């Protein structure tokens, strides 16, 4: 494959790795975009801790000019977690006919949480012959690893998954979205009540584009798509987490007292026409001294298989997955194409 030209959209923590990995794959960064005045105007070398690269971070209001002038093979979007929040970047790429891949968690399989916006992006990308997708840590550790285990299982009755992460690592917006720092009563009102609705009410919210899916909501959709299951129902429940002692949170700028929510477990249950149930959860909270990231999955049937991965380097794994998916999006059909339809995630070799 020829030397790929990449534009980095979002120059925060994740970009430190995605841009470095692009160079290490023998490709090049030809443009960089951000909204943060503290990084706009800086050479990207200062972000990835190397010599100047001659590429200066441009303001997001210049994004169209940057992409048009650099003519990249792909754009990496590492900004927000909801499809609505990355809509402008993805729609711009689709309009300009440029492939794009994003770390946005909802974009992993947005067909089941924001179908109307997904259809708009899909139509525009098809019109201009480019591919848009979402990837990251979940592509391997909640997706392809699990589907491969399923492929070695004769009879599957249930798929169970749990993955934990420290909200301290991802900023205040994510910590607050997980209910960290709320009282139990505040959590019930502000977080849990959102999902205490009927299936019909939830579907109306999904169609409106205002649904707030947990990460596993989209993962369950991805797995069903990958495995060929037909979803009959899907529900989500948010459960607060607590610690037995006070915890200091630098992200929240407070001491999370015993009895105050440290975060939440978001539990997603999916039933399928084929009789397989998926029960998955993501646990995001302010970690205590004994907590650590863990990825824990079971495929229950004949035979039973239990997979545990302790202390995964989630940020680095996410960024490597994004960069190594770029050849796949270049080769994929046009439109919004989830990675469940792109084959197995593999390491790009120079």
C-alpha atoms as a PDB file:
ATOM      1  CA  UNK A   1       0.000   0.000   0.000  1.00  0.00           C
ATOM      2  CA  UNK A   2       1.269   3.473  -0.883  1.00  0.00           C
ATOM      3  CA  UNK A   3       2.116   6.036   1.799  1.00  0.00           C
ATOM      4  CA  UNK A   4      -1.254   7.071   3.208  1.00  0.00           C
ATOM      5  CA  UNK A   5      -2.084  10.700   3.890  1.00  0.00           C
ATOM      6  CA  UNK A   6      -4.030  11.271   7.115  1.00  0.00           C
ATOM      7  CA  UNK A   7      -5.740  14.283   8.688  1.00  0.00           C
ATOM      8  CA  UNK A   8      -6.112  14.231  12.480  1.00  0.00           C
ATOM      9  CA  UNK A   9      -9.409  15.793  13.667  1.00  0.00           C
ATOM     10  CA  UNK A  10      -9.153  16.319  17.433  1.00  0.00           C
ATOM     11  CA  UNK A  11      -5.711  16.854  18.959  1.00  0.00           C
ATOM     12  CA  UNK A  12      -6.207  15.789  22.563  1.00  0.00           C
ATOM     13  CA  UNK A  13      -4.919  12.770  24.487  1.00  0.00           C
ATOM     14  CA  UNK A  14      -5.921  10.134  21.930  1.00  0.00           C
ATOM     15  CA  UNK A  15      -4.187  11.959  19.100  1.00  0.00           C
ATOM     16  CA  UNK A  16      -0.839  11.636  20.873  1.00  0.00           C
ATOM     17  CA  UNK A  17      -1.046   7.941  20.027  1.00  0.00           C
ATOM     18  CA  UNK A  18      -2.986   7.929  16.740  1.00  0.00           C
ATOM     19  CA  UNK A  19      -0.614  10.405  15.097  1.00  0.00           C
ATOM     20  CA  UNK A  20       2.480   8.592  16.369  1.00  0.00           C
ATOM     21  CA  UNK A  21       1.090   5.250  15.194  1.00  0.00           C
ATOM     22  CA  UNK A  22       0.354   6.734  11.752  1.00  0.00           C
ATOM     23  CA  UNK A  23       4.019   7.723  11.403  1.00  0.00           C
ATOM     24  CA  UNK A  24       5.205   4.379  12.761  1.00  0.00           C
ATOM     25  CA  UNK A  25       3.132   2.636  10.071  1.00  0.00           C
ATOM     26  CA  UNK A  26       5.087   4.566   7.449  1.00  0.00           C
ATOM     27  CA  UNK A  27       2.276   6.981   6.633  1.00  0.00           C
ATOM     28  CA  UNK A  28       2.073  10.737   7.173  1.00  0.00           C
ATOM     29  CA  UNK A  29      -0.095  13.340   8.892  1.00  0.00           C
ATOM     30  CA  UNK A  30      -0.936  16.062   6.389  1.00  0.00           C
ATOM     31  CA  UNK A  31      -3.307  18.141   8.508  1.00  0.00           C
ATOM     32  CA  UNK A  32      -4.557  18.575  12.081  1.00  0.00           C
ATOM     33  CA  UNK A  33      -7.721  20.197  13.439  1.00  0.00           C
ATOM     34  CA  UNK A  34      -8.985  21.157  16.905  1.00  0.00           C
ATOM     35  CA  UNK A  35     -11.218  23.616  18.786  1.00  0.00           C
ATOM     36  CA  UNK A  36      -8.851  24.129  21.722  1.00  0.00           C
ATOM     37  CA  UNK A  37      -7.045  27.498  21.545  1.00  0.00           C
ATOM     38  CA  UNK A  38      -4.212  26.020  23.603  1.00  0.00           C
ATOM     39  CA  UNK A  39      -3.211  23.686  20.748  1.00  0.00           C
ATOM     40  CA  UNK A  40      -4.332  25.669  17.676  1.00  0.00           C
ATOM     41  CA  UNK A  41      -1.235  27.035  15.949  1.00  0.00           C
ATOM     42  CA  UNK A  42       1.111  24.469  17.477  1.00  0.00           C
ATOM     43  CA  UNK A  43       3.163  22.035  15.446  1.00  0.00           C
ATOM     44  CA  UNK A  44       1.911  18.485  15.951  1.00  0.00           C
ATOM     45  CA  UNK A  45       5.432  17.473  16.978  1.00  0.00           C
ATOM     46  CA  UNK A  46       4.784  19.187  20.317  1.00  0.00           C
ATOM     47  CA  UNK A  47       1.717  16.961  20.821  1.00  0.00           C
ATOM     48  CA  UNK A  48       3.438  13.672  20.057  1.00  0.00           C
ATOM     49  CA  UNK A  49       6.700  14.692  21.789  1.00  0.00           C
ATOM     50  CA  UNK A  50       8.995  14.637  18.785  1.00  0.00           C
ATOM     51  CA  UNK A  51      10.664  17.038  16.389  1.00  0.00           C
ATOM     52  CA  UNK A  52       8.479  19.513  14.511  1.00  0.00           C
ATOM     53  CA  UNK A  53       6.641  17.897  11.604  1.00  0.00           C
ATOM     54  CA  UNK A  54       5.769  21.060   9.737  1.00  0.00           C
ATOM     55  CA  UNK A  55       2.063  20.479  10.343  1.00  0.00           C
ATOM     56  CA  UNK A  56       0.303  23.123  12.429  1.00  0.00           C
ATOM     57  CA  UNK A  57      -3.022  22.505  14.196  1.00  0.00           C
ATOM     58  CA  UNK A  58      -5.806  24.471  12.499  1.00  0.00           C
ATOM     59  CA  UNK A  59      -9.037  25.733  14.024  1.00  0.00           C
ATOM     60  CA  UNK A  60     -12.128  23.583  13.444  1.00  0.00           C
ATOM     61  CA  UNK A  61     -13.768  26.425  11.514  1.00  0.00           C
ATOM     62  CA  UNK A  62     -11.045  25.856   8.899  1.00  0.00           C
ATOM     63  CA  UNK A  63     -11.659  22.092   8.726  1.00  0.00           C
ATOM     64  CA  UNK A  64     -13.159  22.118   5.239  1.00  0.00           C
ATOM     65  CA  UNK A  65     -10.228  24.125   3.859  1.00  0.00           C
ATOM     66  CA  UNK A  66      -7.721  21.785   5.525  1.00  0.00           C
ATOM     67  CA  UNK A  67      -9.333  18.628   4.141  1.00  0.00           C
ATOM     68  CA  UNK A  68      -9.833  20.095   0.664  1.00  0.00           C
ATOM     69  CA  UNK A  69      -6.256  21.345   0.402  1.00  0.00           C
ATOM     70  CA  UNK A  70      -4.540  18.231   1.786  1.00  0.00           C
ATOM     71  CA  UNK A  71      -6.667  15.604  -0.026  1.00  0.00           C
ATOM     72  CA  UNK A  72      -6.142  12.899   2.633  1.00  0.00           C
ATOM     73  CA  UNK A  73      -6.836   9.200   2.209  1.00  0.00           C
ATOM     74  CA  UNK A  74      -8.597   9.237   5.570  1.00  0.00           C
ATOM     75  CA  UNK A  75      -9.513  11.446   8.514  1.00  0.00           C
ATOM     76  CA  UNK A  76      -9.181  10.226  12.105  1.00  0.00           C
ATOM     77  CA  UNK A  77     -11.804  11.839  14.374  1.00  0.00           C
ATOM     78  CA  UNK A  78     -10.979  11.611  18.095  1.00  0.00           C
ATOM     79  CA  UNK A  79     -13.332  14.029  19.820  1.00  0.00           C
ATOM     80  CA  UNK A  80     -16.650  13.071  21.467  1.00  0.00           C
ATOM     81  CA  UNK A  81     -18.621   9.942  22.447  1.00  0.00           C
ATOM     82  CA  UNK A  82     -22.043  10.521  20.819  1.00  0.00           C
ATOM     83  CA  UNK A  83     -22.826  10.479  17.104  1.00  0.00           C
ATOM     84  CA  UNK A  84     -24.653  13.807  17.354  1.00  0.00           C
ATOM     85  CA  UNK A  85     -21.484  15.379  18.776  1.00  0.00           C
ATOM     86  CA  UNK A  86     -19.259  14.183  15.904  1.00  0.00           C
ATOM     87  CA  UNK A  87     -21.929  14.756  13.251  1.00  0.00           C
ATOM     88  CA  UNK A  88     -20.341  17.879  11.782  1.00  0.00           C
ATOM     89  CA  UNK A  89     -16.934  16.227  11.320  1.00  0.00           C
ATOM     90  CA  UNK A  90     -18.359  13.046   9.798  1.00  0.00           C
ATOM     91  CA  UNK A  91     -20.836  14.868   7.545  1.00  0.00           C
ATOM     92  CA  UNK A  92     -18.033  17.128   6.325  1.00  0.00           C
ATOM     93  CA  UNK A  93     -15.900  14.117   5.406  1.00  0.00           C
ATOM     94  CA  UNK A  94     -18.877  12.479   3.704  1.00  0.00           C
ATOM     95  CA  UNK A  95     -19.609  15.676   1.752  1.00  0.00           C
ATOM     96  CA  UNK A  96     -15.999  15.942   0.597  1.00  0.00           C
ATOM     97  CA  UNK A  97     -15.776  12.238  -0.300  1.00  0.00           C
ATOM     98  CA  UNK A  98     -13.052  11.496   2.266  1.00  0.00           C
ATOM     99  CA  UNK A  99     -12.927   8.298   4.335  1.00  0.00           C
ATOM    100  CA  UNK A 100     -13.264   8.823   8.088  1.00  0.00           C
ATOM    101  CA  UNK A 101     -12.857   6.680  11.198  1.00  0.00           C
ATOM    102  CA  UNK A 102     -13.765   7.826  14.690  1.00  0.00           C
ATOM    103  CA  UNK A 103     -13.264   6.782  18.297  1.00  0.00           C
ATOM    104  CA  UNK A 104     -16.844   7.940  19.026  1.00  0.00           C
ATOM    105  CA  UNK A 105     -18.264   5.014  21.010  1.00  0.00           C
ATOM    106  CA  UNK A 106     -21.772   5.350  19.604  1.00  0.00           C
ATOM    107  CA  UNK A 107     -20.375   5.257  16.057  1.00  0.00           C
ATOM    108  CA  UNK A 108     -19.301   1.653  16.646  1.00  0.00           C
ATOM    109  CA  UNK A 109     -22.848   0.605  15.716  1.00  0.00           C
ATOM    110  CA  UNK A 110     -25.131   3.691  15.672  1.00  0.00           C
ATOM    111  CA  UNK A 111     -27.869   1.974  13.648  1.00  0.00           C
ATOM    112  CA  UNK A 112     -29.549   0.895  16.899  1.00  0.00           C
ATOM    113  CA  UNK A 113     -29.289   4.197  18.798  1.00  0.00           C
ATOM    114  CA  UNK A 114     -29.460   7.036  16.239  1.00  0.00           C
ATOM    115  CA  UNK A 115     -30.673   5.415  12.996  1.00  0.00           C
ATOM    116  CA  UNK A 116     -31.874   8.558  11.242  1.00  0.00           C
ATOM    117  CA  UNK A 117     -28.583  10.428  11.576  1.00  0.00           C
ATOM    118  CA  UNK A 118     -26.718   7.264  10.579  1.00  0.00           C
ATOM    119  CA  UNK A 119     -28.836   7.055   7.422  1.00  0.00           C
ATOM    120  CA  UNK A 120     -28.012  10.683   6.564  1.00  0.00           C
ATOM    121  CA  UNK A 121     -24.284  10.088   6.927  1.00  0.00           C
ATOM    122  CA  UNK A 122     -24.590   6.819   5.004  1.00  0.00           C
ATOM    123  CA  UNK A 123     -26.454   8.438   2.095  1.00  0.00           C
ATOM    124  CA  UNK A 124     -24.002  11.329   1.799  1.00  0.00           C
ATOM    125  CA  UNK A 125     -20.988   9.003   1.973  1.00  0.00           C
ATOM    126  CA  UNK A 126     -22.464   6.784  -0.741  1.00  0.00           C
ATOM    127  CA  UNK A 127     -23.199   9.824  -2.899  1.00  0.00           C
ATOM    128  CA  UNK A 128     -19.563  10.910  -2.662  1.00  0.00           C
ATOM    129  CA  UNK A 129     -17.965   7.436  -2.694  1.00  0.00           C
ATOM    130  CA  UNK A 130     -16.298   7.281   0.708  1.00  0.00           C
ATOM    131  CA  UNK A 131     -16.555   5.194   3.879  1.00  0.00           C
ATOM    132  CA  UNK A 132     -17.360   6.311   7.422  1.00  0.00           C
ATOM    133  CA  UNK A 133     -17.001   4.038  10.463  1.00  0.00           C
ATOM    134  CA  UNK A 134     -16.283   3.833  14.186  1.00  0.00           C
ATOM    135  CA  UNK A 135     -13.694   1.660  15.893  1.00  0.00           C
ATOM    136  CA  UNK A 136     -11.506   1.480  18.980  1.00  0.00           C
ATOM    137  CA  UNK A 137     -10.878  -0.817  21.923  1.00  0.00           C
ATOM    138  CA  UNK A 138     -14.307  -2.412  21.535  1.00  0.00           C
ATOM    139  CA  UNK A 139     -13.505  -3.513  17.957  1.00  0.00           C
ATOM    140  CA  UNK A 140     -11.140  -6.149  19.344  1.00  0.00           C
ATOM    141  CA  UNK A 141     -11.956  -6.681  23.005  1.00  0.00           C
ATOM    142  CA  UNK A 142     -15.765  -6.472  22.947  1.00  0.00           C
ATOM    143  CA  UNK A 143     -16.179  -7.490  19.311  1.00  0.00           C
ATOM    144  CA  UNK A 144     -13.786  -9.632  17.300  1.00  0.00           C
ATOM    145  CA  UNK A 145     -12.421 -11.597  20.257  1.00  0.00           C
ATOM    146  CA  UNK A 146     -15.959 -12.512  21.269  1.00  0.00           C
ATOM    147  CA  UNK A 147     -17.145 -13.404  17.776  1.00  0.00           C
ATOM    148  CA  UNK A 148     -14.073 -15.622  17.336  1.00  0.00           C
ATOM    149  CA  UNK A 149     -14.857 -17.479  20.574  1.00  0.00           C
ATOM    150  CA  UNK A 150     -18.440 -17.872  19.348  1.00  0.00           C
ATOM    151  CA  UNK A 151     -17.050 -19.340  16.126  1.00  0.00           C
ATOM    152  CA  UNK A 152     -15.402 -22.108  18.158  1.00  0.00           C
ATOM    153  CA  UNK A 153     -18.570 -22.898  20.141  1.00  0.00           C
ATOM    154  CA  UNK A 154     -21.034 -25.568  19.031  1.00  0.00           C
ATOM    155  CA  UNK A 155     -24.123 -24.309  20.891  1.00  0.00           C
ATOM    156  CA  UNK A 156     -24.541 -20.755  22.250  1.00  0.00           C
ATOM    157  CA  UNK A 157     -27.191 -19.959  24.843  1.00  0.00           C
ATOM    158  CA  UNK A 158     -25.919 -16.708  26.287  1.00  0.00           C
ATOM    159  CA  UNK A 159     -23.109 -14.181  25.853  1.00  0.00           C
ATOM    160  CA  UNK A 160     -22.129 -12.262  28.995  1.00  0.00           C
ATOM    161  CA  UNK A 161     -19.666  -9.420  29.106  1.00  0.00           C
ATOM    162  CA  UNK A 162     -18.335  -6.885  31.577  1.00  0.00           C
ATOM    163  CA  UNK A 163     -15.700  -4.224  31.093  1.00  0.00           C
ATOM    164  CA  UNK A 164     -14.516  -1.620  33.602  1.00  0.00           C
ATOM    165  CA  UNK A 165     -12.677   1.673  33.271  1.00  0.00           C
ATOM    166  CA  UNK A 166     -11.633   4.572  35.482  1.00  0.00           C
ATOM    167  CA  UNK A 167     -13.611   7.715  34.647  1.00  0.00           C
ATOM    168  CA  UNK A 168     -10.644   9.714  35.986  1.00  0.00           C
ATOM    169  CA  UNK A 169      -8.816   8.875  32.737  1.00  0.00           C
ATOM    170  CA  UNK A 170     -11.399  10.382  30.392  1.00  0.00           C
ATOM    171  CA  UNK A 171     -12.293  13.830  31.693  1.00  0.00           C
ATOM    172  CA  UNK A 172     -15.044  15.548  33.628  1.00  0.00           C
ATOM    173  CA  UNK A 173     -17.777  15.290  30.972  1.00  0.00           C
ATOM    174  CA  UNK A 174     -17.597  11.488  30.966  1.00  0.00           C
ATOM    175  CA  UNK A 175     -17.320  11.318  34.781  1.00  0.00           C
ATOM    176  CA  UNK A 176     -20.478  13.394  35.206  1.00  0.00           C
ATOM    177  CA  UNK A 177     -22.315  11.392  32.531  1.00  0.00           C
ATOM    178  CA  UNK A 178     -21.629   8.321  34.682  1.00  0.00           C
ATOM    179  CA  UNK A 179     -23.136   9.979  37.749  1.00  0.00           C
ATOM    180  CA  UNK A 180     -19.871  10.260  39.650  1.00  0.00           C
ATOM    181  CA  UNK A 181     -20.287  12.598  42.610  1.00  0.00           C
ATOM    182  CA  UNK A 182     -24.094  12.348  42.767  1.00  0.00           C
ATOM    183  CA  UNK A 183     -26.058  11.210  45.769  1.00  0.00           C
ATOM    184  CA  UNK A 184     -28.072   8.030  45.363  1.00  0.00           C
ATOM    185  CA  UNK A 185     -31.253  10.113  45.111  1.00  0.00           C
ATOM    186  CA  UNK A 186     -29.718  12.432  42.492  1.00  0.00           C
ATOM    187  CA  UNK A 187     -28.517   9.423  40.494  1.00  0.00           C
ATOM    188  CA  UNK A 188     -32.005   7.900  40.495  1.00  0.00           C
ATOM    189  CA  UNK A 189     -33.496  11.155  39.213  1.00  0.00           C
ATOM    190  CA  UNK A 190     -30.833  12.312  36.748  1.00  0.00           C
ATOM    191  CA  UNK A 191     -29.354   9.054  35.400  1.00  0.00           C
ATOM    192  CA  UNK A 192     -31.420   5.934  36.126  1.00  0.00           C
ATOM    193  CA  UNK A 193     -34.832   7.445  35.374  1.00  0.00           C
ATOM    194  CA  UNK A 194     -33.899   7.975  31.710  1.00  0.00           C
ATOM    195  CA  UNK A 195     -34.178   4.221  31.089  1.00  0.00           C
ATOM    196  CA  UNK A 196     -37.245   3.560  33.236  1.00  0.00           C
ATOM    197  CA  UNK A 197     -39.481   3.644  30.180  1.00  0.00           C
ATOM    198  CA  UNK A 198     -41.353   1.224  27.937  1.00  0.00           C
ATOM    199  CA  UNK A 199     -39.878  -0.231  24.756  1.00  0.00           C
ATOM    200  CA  UNK A 200     -42.214   1.951  22.679  1.00  0.00           C
ATOM    201  CA  UNK A 201     -41.141   5.094  24.538  1.00  0.00           C
ATOM    202  CA  UNK A 202     -37.473   4.181  24.106  1.00  0.00           C
ATOM    203  CA  UNK A 203     -37.933   3.593  20.391  1.00  0.00           C
ATOM    204  CA  UNK A 204     -39.522   7.023  19.978  1.00  0.00           C
ATOM    205  CA  UNK A 205     -36.522   8.603  21.684  1.00  0.00           C
ATOM    206  CA  UNK A 206     -34.157   6.583  19.475  1.00  0.00           C
ATOM    207  CA  UNK A 207     -35.995   7.749  16.343  1.00  0.00           C
ATOM    208  CA  UNK A 208     -35.746  11.353  17.582  1.00  0.00           C
ATOM    209  CA  UNK A 209     -31.960  11.079  17.833  1.00  0.00           C
ATOM    210  CA  UNK A 210     -31.944  11.993  21.527  1.00  0.00           C
ATOM    211  CA  UNK A 211     -31.268   8.581  23.068  1.00  0.00           C
ATOM    212  CA  UNK A 212     -28.173   8.293  25.286  1.00  0.00           C
ATOM    213  CA  UNK A 213     -26.822   4.758  24.811  1.00  0.00           C
ATOM    214  CA  UNK A 214     -24.263   3.184  27.090  1.00  0.00           C
ATOM    215  CA  UNK A 215     -21.235   1.785  25.312  1.00  0.00           C
ATOM    216  CA  UNK A 216     -22.604  -1.760  25.432  1.00  0.00           C
ATOM    217  CA  UNK A 217     -25.843  -0.740  23.707  1.00  0.00           C
ATOM    218  CA  UNK A 218     -23.925  -0.320  20.471  1.00  0.00           C
ATOM    219  CA  UNK A 219     -21.621  -3.266  21.174  1.00  0.00           C
ATOM    220  CA  UNK A 220     -24.599  -5.629  21.458  1.00  0.00           C
ATOM    221  CA  UNK A 221     -25.871  -4.347  18.119  1.00  0.00           C
ATOM    222  CA  UNK A 222     -22.423  -4.862  16.579  1.00  0.00           C
ATOM    223  CA  UNK A 223     -22.171  -8.423  17.919  1.00  0.00           C
ATOM    224  CA  UNK A 224     -25.638  -9.342  16.654  1.00  0.00           C
ATOM    225  CA  UNK A 225     -24.759  -7.904  13.239  1.00  0.00           C
ATOM    226  CA  UNK A 226     -21.431  -9.780  13.166  1.00  0.00           C
ATOM    227  CA  UNK A 227     -22.953 -13.076  14.326  1.00  0.00           C
ATOM    228  CA  UNK A 228     -26.079 -12.866  12.177  1.00  0.00           C
ATOM    229  CA  UNK A 229     -28.546 -12.617  15.072  1.00  0.00           C
ATOM    230  CA  UNK A 230     -31.905 -10.872  14.733  1.00  0.00           C
ATOM    231  CA  UNK A 231     -32.619  -8.570  17.669  1.00  0.00           C
ATOM    232  CA  UNK A 232     -36.072  -8.978  19.223  1.00  0.00           C
ATOM    233  CA  UNK A 233     -35.664  -6.651  22.206  1.00  0.00           C
ATOM    234  CA  UNK A 234     -33.019  -4.588  23.920  1.00  0.00           C
ATOM    235  CA  UNK A 235     -33.117  -2.759  27.256  1.00  0.00           C
ATOM    236  CA  UNK A 236     -30.682  -0.758  29.341  1.00  0.00           C
ATOM    237  CA  UNK A 237     -30.422  -0.167  33.089  1.00  0.00           C
ATOM    238  CA  UNK A 238     -28.028   2.136  34.911  1.00  0.00           C
ATOM    239  CA  UNK A 239     -27.016   1.088  38.438  1.00  0.00           C
ATOM    240  CA  UNK A 240     -24.939   3.354  40.727  1.00  0.00           C
ATOM    241  CA  UNK A 241     -21.615   2.181  42.167  1.00  0.00           C
ATOM    242  CA  UNK A 242     -20.271   3.075  45.614  1.00  0.00           C
ATOM    243  CA  UNK A 243     -17.045   2.672  47.568  1.00  0.00           C
ATOM    244  CA  UNK A 244     -16.536   1.628  51.175  1.00  0.00           C
ATOM    245  CA  UNK A 245     -14.376   4.668  51.887  1.00  0.00           C
ATOM    246  CA  UNK A 246     -13.835   8.213  50.653  1.00  0.00           C
ATOM    247  CA  UNK A 247     -12.003   8.600  47.318  1.00  0.00           C
ATOM    248  CA  UNK A 248     -10.233  11.685  45.993  1.00  0.00           C
ATOM    249  CA  UNK A 249     -11.198  12.604  42.414  1.00  0.00           C
ATOM    250  CA  UNK A 250      -8.873  15.006  40.616  1.00  0.00           C
ATOM    251  CA  UNK A 251     -11.211  15.048  37.603  1.00  0.00           C
ATOM    252  CA  UNK A 252     -14.256  16.074  39.658  1.00  0.00           C
ATOM    253  CA  UNK A 253     -12.147  18.241  41.958  1.00  0.00           C
ATOM    254  CA  UNK A 254     -13.768  16.738  45.040  1.00  0.00           C
ATOM    255  CA  UNK A 255     -13.677  13.991  47.606  1.00  0.00           C
ATOM    256  CA  UNK A 256     -16.266  11.363  46.691  1.00  0.00           C
ATOM    257  CA  UNK A 257     -17.571  10.483  50.147  1.00  0.00           C
ATOM    258  CA  UNK A 258     -18.635   7.018  51.221  1.00  0.00           C
ATOM    259  CA  UNK A 259     -22.282   6.657  50.190  1.00  0.00           C
ATOM    260  CA  UNK A 260     -21.900   9.033  47.217  1.00  0.00           C
ATOM    261  CA  UNK A 261     -21.904   7.522  43.721  1.00  0.00           C
ATOM    262  CA  UNK A 262     -18.480   6.791  42.273  1.00  0.00           C
ATOM    263  CA  UNK A 263     -20.017   6.055  38.857  1.00  0.00           C
ATOM    264  CA  UNK A 264     -22.282   3.398  37.412  1.00  0.00           C
ATOM    265  CA  UNK A 265     -22.823   0.006  35.860  1.00  0.00           C
ATOM    266  CA  UNK A 266     -24.723   0.275  32.567  1.00  0.00           C
ATOM    267  CA  UNK A 267     -26.319  -3.123  31.924  1.00  0.00           C
ATOM    268  CA  UNK A 268     -27.699  -3.946  28.471  1.00  0.00           C
ATOM    269  CA  UNK A 269     -29.836  -7.034  27.824  1.00  0.00           C
ATOM    270  CA  UNK A 270     -30.576  -8.160  24.267  1.00  0.00           C
ATOM    271  CA  UNK A 271     -32.819 -11.029  23.224  1.00  0.00           C
ATOM    272  CA  UNK A 272     -32.628 -12.501  19.736  1.00  0.00           C
ATOM    273  CA  UNK A 273     -34.873 -14.472  17.414  1.00  0.00           C
ATOM    274  CA  UNK A 274     -32.252 -17.224  17.431  1.00  0.00           C
ATOM    275  CA  UNK A 275     -32.689 -17.725  21.191  1.00  0.00           C
ATOM    276  CA  UNK A 276     -29.323 -16.290  22.251  1.00  0.00           C
ATOM    277  CA  UNK A 277     -29.362 -13.658  25.002  1.00  0.00           C
ATOM    278  CA  UNK A 278     -26.634 -11.042  25.390  1.00  0.00           C
ATOM    279  CA  UNK A 279     -26.092  -9.570  28.874  1.00  0.00           C
ATOM    280  CA  UNK A 280     -23.323  -6.998  28.846  1.00  0.00           C
ATOM    281  CA  UNK A 281     -22.240  -4.180  31.113  1.00  0.00           C
ATOM    282  CA  UNK A 282     -19.689  -1.426  31.223  1.00  0.00           C
ATOM    283  CA  UNK A 283     -18.583  -0.239  34.652  1.00  0.00           C
ATOM    284  CA  UNK A 284     -17.294   3.327  34.676  1.00  0.00           C
ATOM    285  CA  UNK A 285     -16.369   4.812  38.044  1.00  0.00           C
ATOM    286  CA  UNK A 286     -13.784   6.665  40.086  1.00  0.00           C
ATOM    287  CA  UNK A 287     -11.406   3.894  41.065  1.00  0.00           C
ATOM    288  CA  UNK A 288     -10.500   3.004  44.623  1.00  0.00           C
ATOM    289  CA  UNK A 289      -7.023   1.825  45.545  1.00  0.00           C
ATOM    290  CA  UNK A 290      -7.769  -1.804  44.671  1.00  0.00           C
ATOM    291  CA  UNK A 291      -9.639  -1.234  41.378  1.00  0.00           C
ATOM    292  CA  UNK A 292      -8.209  -1.789  37.904  1.00  0.00           C
ATOM    293  CA  UNK A 293      -9.461  -2.149  34.333  1.00  0.00           C
ATOM    294  CA  UNK A 294     -10.764  -5.606  33.505  1.00  0.00           C
ATOM    295  CA  UNK A 295     -12.421  -7.165  30.466  1.00  0.00           C
ATOM    296  CA  UNK A 296     -14.475 -10.223  31.428  1.00  0.00           C
ATOM    297  CA  UNK A 297     -16.563 -12.258  28.947  1.00  0.00           C
ATOM    298  CA  UNK A 298     -18.343 -15.602  28.934  1.00  0.00           C
ATOM    299  CA  UNK A 299     -19.813 -17.561  26.045  1.00  0.00           C
ATOM    300  CA  UNK A 300     -22.223 -19.995  27.670  1.00  0.00           C
ATOM    301  CA  UNK A 301     -23.246 -23.156  25.832  1.00  0.00           C
ATOM    302  CA  UNK A 302     -21.325 -26.169  24.576  1.00  0.00           C
ATOM    303  CA  UNK A 303     -18.636 -25.674  25.649  1.00  0.00           C
ATOM    304  CA  UNK A 304     -18.540 -22.752  28.112  1.00  0.00           C
ATOM    305  CA  UNK A 305     -15.646 -20.337  27.592  1.00  0.00           C
ATOM    306  CA  UNK A 306     -14.509 -17.623  30.004  1.00  0.00           C
ATOM    307  CA  UNK A 307     -12.147 -14.864  28.850  1.00  0.00           C
ATOM    308  CA  UNK A 308     -10.509 -12.437  31.324  1.00  0.00           C
ATOM    309  CA  UNK A 309      -8.080  -9.665  30.390  1.00  0.00           C
ATOM    310  CA  UNK A 310      -6.747  -7.667  33.334  1.00  0.00           C
ATOM    311  CA  UNK A 311      -5.325  -4.171  33.109  1.00  0.00           C
ATOM    312  CA  UNK A 312      -5.645  -3.661  29.336  1.00  0.00           C
ATOM    313  CA  UNK A 313      -3.988  -0.468  28.051  1.00  0.00           C
ATOM    314  CA  UNK A 314      -7.316   0.853  26.806  1.00  0.00           C
ATOM    315  CA  UNK A 315      -6.127   4.147  25.309  1.00  0.00           C
ATOM    316  CA  UNK A 316      -3.235   2.619  23.373  1.00  0.00           C
ATOM    317  CA  UNK A 317      -5.352  -0.349  22.227  1.00  0.00           C
ATOM    318  CA  UNK A 318      -8.088   2.017  21.048  1.00  0.00           C
ATOM    319  CA  UNK A 319      -5.655   4.108  19.045  1.00  0.00           C
ATOM    320  CA  UNK A 320      -3.876   1.146  17.469  1.00  0.00           C
ATOM    321  CA  UNK A 321      -7.254  -0.313  16.468  1.00  0.00           C
ATOM    322  CA  UNK A 322      -8.233   2.970  14.816  1.00  0.00           C
ATOM    323  CA  UNK A 323      -4.997   3.287  12.852  1.00  0.00           C
ATOM    324  CA  UNK A 324      -4.864  -0.369  11.822  1.00  0.00           C
ATOM    325  CA  UNK A 325      -8.456  -0.190  10.528  1.00  0.00           C
ATOM    326  CA  UNK A 326      -7.588   2.529   7.997  1.00  0.00           C
ATOM    327  CA  UNK A 327      -6.692   0.114   5.139  1.00  0.00           C
ATOM    328  CA  UNK A 328     -10.028  -1.627   5.755  1.00  0.00           C
ATOM    329  CA  UNK A 329     -12.074   1.553   5.402  1.00  0.00           C
ATOM    330  CA  UNK A 330     -10.217   2.407   2.215  1.00  0.00           C
ATOM    331  CA  UNK A 331     -11.140  -1.013   0.784  1.00  0.00           C
ATOM    332  CA  UNK A 332     -14.728  -1.061   2.163  1.00  0.00           C
ATOM    333  CA  UNK A 333     -17.879  -0.196   0.198  1.00  0.00           C
ATOM    334  CA  UNK A 334     -19.015   3.415   0.383  1.00  0.00           C
ATOM    335  CA  UNK A 335     -21.435   4.550   3.067  1.00  0.00           C
ATOM    336  CA  UNK A 336     -21.541   4.184   6.830  1.00  0.00           C
ATOM    337  CA  UNK A 337     -20.086   0.701   7.254  1.00  0.00           C
ATOM    338  CA  UNK A 338     -19.620  -0.766  10.761  1.00  0.00           C
ATOM    339  CA  UNK A 339     -16.444  -2.764  11.298  1.00  0.00           C
ATOM    340  CA  UNK A 340     -18.620  -5.842  11.888  1.00  0.00           C
ATOM    341  CA  UNK A 341     -18.774  -5.938   8.073  1.00  0.00           C
ATOM    342  CA  UNK A 342     -15.053  -5.410   7.421  1.00  0.00           C
ATOM    343  CA  UNK A 343     -13.514  -8.689   8.499  1.00  0.00           C
ATOM    344  CA  UNK A 344     -11.140  -9.299  11.376  1.00  0.00           C
ATOM    345  CA  UNK A 345      -9.023  -6.550  12.857  1.00  0.00           C
ATOM    346  CA  UNK A 346      -5.380  -7.143  11.959  1.00  0.00           C
ATOM    347  CA  UNK A 347      -2.060  -5.413  12.331  1.00  0.00           C
ATOM    348  CA  UNK A 348      -0.968  -3.394   9.311  1.00  0.00           C
ATOM    349  CA  UNK A 349       2.469  -4.418   8.092  1.00  0.00           C
ATOM    350  CA  UNK A 350       4.739  -2.050   6.188  1.00  0.00           C
END
